[in-house]
């Protein structure tokens, strides 16, 4: 029989996503901009295309993050029911924090698409907040929880920006 994730991880994630990422990625940018198009930020509307690309490319990264927390980690993205196993597959092979990268990318995408300086400022504040949370809370917690396994992963995979792989 296949190693199945606990139902509480599935349901916990289904409850968590609309509440937290839904608010951060959907509600707050809407409140900041009304999702109204302002004149493009730079030449010929390229900012809209770039914004749409940021948002659309971040969606599968964020979806992979959610699925892996449930299937691979047997937990949720919510700190009240964190993964029981270290999650290292999928997008986690390239960056240690693909969920945060996806969220910030989706918010930046909206800022560019709607030409909203307030959404772009919000994205910058999110990025700083996520960085501080990761450095001050998540990484020490993961070190305690997973020990050597996390230390090896930490050394191998960058926090935010994927490394360029050479040779193969």
Protein backbone atom coordinates (compact mmCIF):
# COMPACT_ATOMS: atom_id res chain seq x y z
CA UNK A 1 0.00 0.00 0.00
CA UNK A 2 1.21 3.46 -0.90
CA UNK A 3 2.31 5.82 1.87
CA UNK A 4 -0.76 8.09 2.08
CA UNK A 5 -0.79 11.51 3.71
CA UNK A 6 -3.07 11.95 6.71
CA UNK A 7 -6.51 13.38 5.95
CA UNK A 8 -5.89 16.19 8.42
CA UNK A 9 -2.99 17.38 6.22
CA UNK A 10 -5.27 17.42 3.17
CA UNK A 11 -8.15 19.19 4.91
CA UNK A 12 -5.85 21.51 6.86
CA UNK A 13 -4.25 22.67 3.61
CA UNK A 14 -7.65 23.12 1.95
CA UNK A 15 -8.71 25.35 4.85
CA UNK A 16 -5.38 27.20 5.12
CA UNK A 17 -5.01 28.21 1.45
CA UNK A 18 -8.10 30.44 1.10
CA UNK A 19 -7.50 32.00 4.51
CA UNK A 20 -3.81 32.89 4.44
CA UNK A 21 -2.44 32.84 0.87
CA UNK A 22 -5.89 33.84 -0.38
CA UNK A 23 -5.74 36.94 1.79
CA UNK A 24 -2.09 37.73 1.05
CA UNK A 25 -2.26 37.13 -2.72
CA UNK A 26 -5.88 38.02 -3.42
CA UNK A 27 -7.62 40.22 -0.88
CA UNK A 28 -4.80 42.61 0.05
CA UNK A 29 -3.76 43.39 -3.56
CA UNK A 30 -7.44 43.92 -4.39
CA UNK A 31 -7.85 46.32 -1.46
CA UNK A 32 -4.71 48.19 -2.52
CA UNK A 33 -5.63 48.57 -6.19
CA UNK A 34 -9.24 47.58 -6.76
CA UNK A 35 -7.62 45.50 -9.52
CA UNK A 36 -8.00 48.51 -11.78
CA UNK A 37 -5.56 48.99 -14.62
CA UNK A 38 -3.45 52.12 -14.28
CA UNK A 39 -1.25 53.39 -17.12
CA UNK A 40 1.59 50.87 -17.66
CA UNK A 41 4.71 51.37 -15.57
CA UNK A 42 7.06 51.23 -18.54
CA UNK A 43 7.24 51.30 -22.31
CA UNK A 44 4.43 49.90 -24.40
CA UNK A 45 2.68 47.91 -21.72
CA UNK A 46 5.58 45.49 -21.27
CA UNK A 47 5.00 45.73 -17.51
CA UNK A 48 1.58 44.10 -17.98
CA UNK A 49 3.06 41.20 -19.92
CA UNK A 50 5.85 40.84 -17.38
CA UNK A 51 3.33 40.97 -14.52
CA UNK A 52 1.15 38.31 -16.11
CA UNK A 53 4.23 36.13 -16.65
CA UNK A 54 5.33 36.53 -13.01
CA UNK A 55 1.87 35.57 -11.77
CA UNK A 56 1.28 32.66 -14.15
CA UNK A 57 4.76 31.17 -13.71
CA UNK A 58 4.41 31.35 -9.92
CA UNK A 59 1.12 29.42 -9.85
CA UNK A 60 2.58 25.95 -10.56
CA UNK A 61 5.46 26.61 -8.14
CA UNK A 62 2.98 27.46 -5.41
CA UNK A 63 0.74 24.50 -6.27
CA UNK A 64 3.74 22.14 -6.16
CA UNK A 65 4.69 23.55 -2.76
CA UNK A 66 1.20 22.83 -1.39
CA UNK A 67 0.99 19.32 -2.81
CA UNK A 68 4.46 18.40 -1.57
CA UNK A 69 3.74 19.61 1.97
CA UNK A 70 0.78 17.24 2.06
CA UNK A 71 2.11 14.23 0.09
CA UNK A 72 5.80 14.31 0.94
CA UNK A 73 5.76 16.09 4.29
CA UNK A 74 2.47 14.72 5.67
CA UNK A 75 1.61 18.17 7.01
CA UNK A 76 0.31 21.58 6.01
CA UNK A 77 1.86 24.96 5.28
CA UNK A 78 0.19 26.19 8.49
CA UNK A 79 2.55 26.25 11.47
CA UNK A 80 -0.11 24.53 13.60
CA UNK A 81 0.27 21.30 11.57
CA UNK A 82 3.76 21.45 10.00
CA UNK A 83 5.19 18.64 7.88
CA UNK A 84 6.39 15.57 9.76
CA UNK A 85 9.03 14.87 7.12
CA UNK A 86 11.52 17.20 5.48
CA UNK A 87 10.18 18.20 2.06
CA UNK A 88 12.95 18.23 -0.57
CA UNK A 89 11.29 17.22 -3.88
CA UNK A 90 9.85 19.22 -6.76
CA UNK A 91 10.42 22.96 -6.48
CA UNK A 92 12.18 22.33 -3.14
CA UNK A 93 15.11 20.87 -5.15
CA UNK A 94 15.83 24.38 -6.46
CA UNK A 95 15.00 26.71 -3.54
CA UNK A 96 14.28 25.99 0.12
CA UNK A 97 11.27 28.31 0.19
CA UNK A 98 9.25 27.92 -3.03
CA UNK A 99 5.96 28.82 -1.31
CA UNK A 100 7.23 32.25 -0.29
CA UNK A 101 8.89 32.76 -3.67
CA UNK A 102 5.60 31.88 -5.37
CA UNK A 103 3.55 34.21 -3.18
CA UNK A 104 5.89 37.18 -3.62
CA UNK A 105 6.07 36.52 -7.38
CA UNK A 106 2.27 36.48 -7.66
CA UNK A 107 2.03 39.76 -5.74
CA UNK A 108 4.82 41.37 -7.82
CA UNK A 109 3.01 40.15 -10.92
CA UNK A 110 -0.16 41.92 -9.85
CA UNK A 111 1.78 45.09 -9.04
CA UNK A 112 3.28 45.13 -12.53
CA UNK A 113 0.07 44.09 -14.29
CA UNK A 114 -2.12 46.69 -12.59
CA UNK A 115 0.72 49.25 -12.52
CA UNK A 116 0.26 49.64 -8.78
CA UNK A 117 3.10 51.10 -6.75
CA UNK A 118 1.22 50.21 -3.55
CA UNK A 119 1.11 46.53 -4.51
CA UNK A 120 4.81 46.59 -5.41
CA UNK A 121 5.62 48.18 -2.04
CA UNK A 122 3.46 45.53 -0.36
CA UNK A 123 5.41 42.82 -2.25
CA UNK A 124 8.69 44.28 -1.00
CA UNK A 125 7.41 44.33 2.58
CA UNK A 126 6.20 40.73 2.21
CA UNK A 127 9.62 39.67 0.93
CA UNK A 128 11.37 41.29 3.90
CA UNK A 129 8.84 39.80 6.34
CA UNK A 130 9.19 36.33 4.83
CA UNK A 131 12.98 36.57 4.93
CA UNK A 132 12.99 37.53 8.61
CA UNK A 133 10.49 34.78 9.46
CA UNK A 134 12.57 32.17 7.62
CA UNK A 135 15.89 33.23 9.14
CA UNK A 136 14.67 33.84 12.69
CA UNK A 137 12.05 31.09 13.07
CA UNK A 138 11.80 28.50 10.31
CA UNK A 139 15.44 27.62 9.78
CA UNK A 140 16.23 27.19 13.51
CA UNK A 141 13.03 25.15 13.92
CA UNK A 142 13.89 22.89 10.98
CA UNK A 143 17.44 22.43 12.31
CA UNK A 144 16.03 21.24 15.64
CA UNK A 145 13.36 19.06 14.05
CA UNK A 146 15.38 17.40 11.25
CA UNK A 147 19.02 17.78 12.37
CA UNK A 148 21.66 16.50 9.96
CA UNK A 149 19.12 15.86 7.20
CA UNK A 150 18.20 19.56 7.19
CA UNK A 151 21.84 20.70 7.48
CA UNK A 152 22.72 18.73 4.34
CA UNK A 153 19.70 20.13 2.51
CA UNK A 154 20.57 23.66 3.75
CA UNK A 155 24.09 23.40 2.30
CA UNK A 156 22.88 21.95 -1.00
CA UNK A 157 19.86 24.15 -1.84
CA UNK A 158 19.77 27.98 -1.77
CA UNK A 159 17.21 29.86 0.30
CA UNK A 160 15.66 32.10 -2.40
CA UNK A 161 17.38 32.12 -5.79
CA UNK A 162 18.18 28.88 -7.64
CA UNK A 163 21.80 28.28 -8.50
CA UNK A 164 22.75 27.90 -12.09
CA UNK A 165 23.82 24.36 -12.70
CA UNK A 166 26.84 23.90 -14.89
CA UNK A 167 27.98 21.04 -17.03
CA UNK A 168 24.99 18.78 -17.53
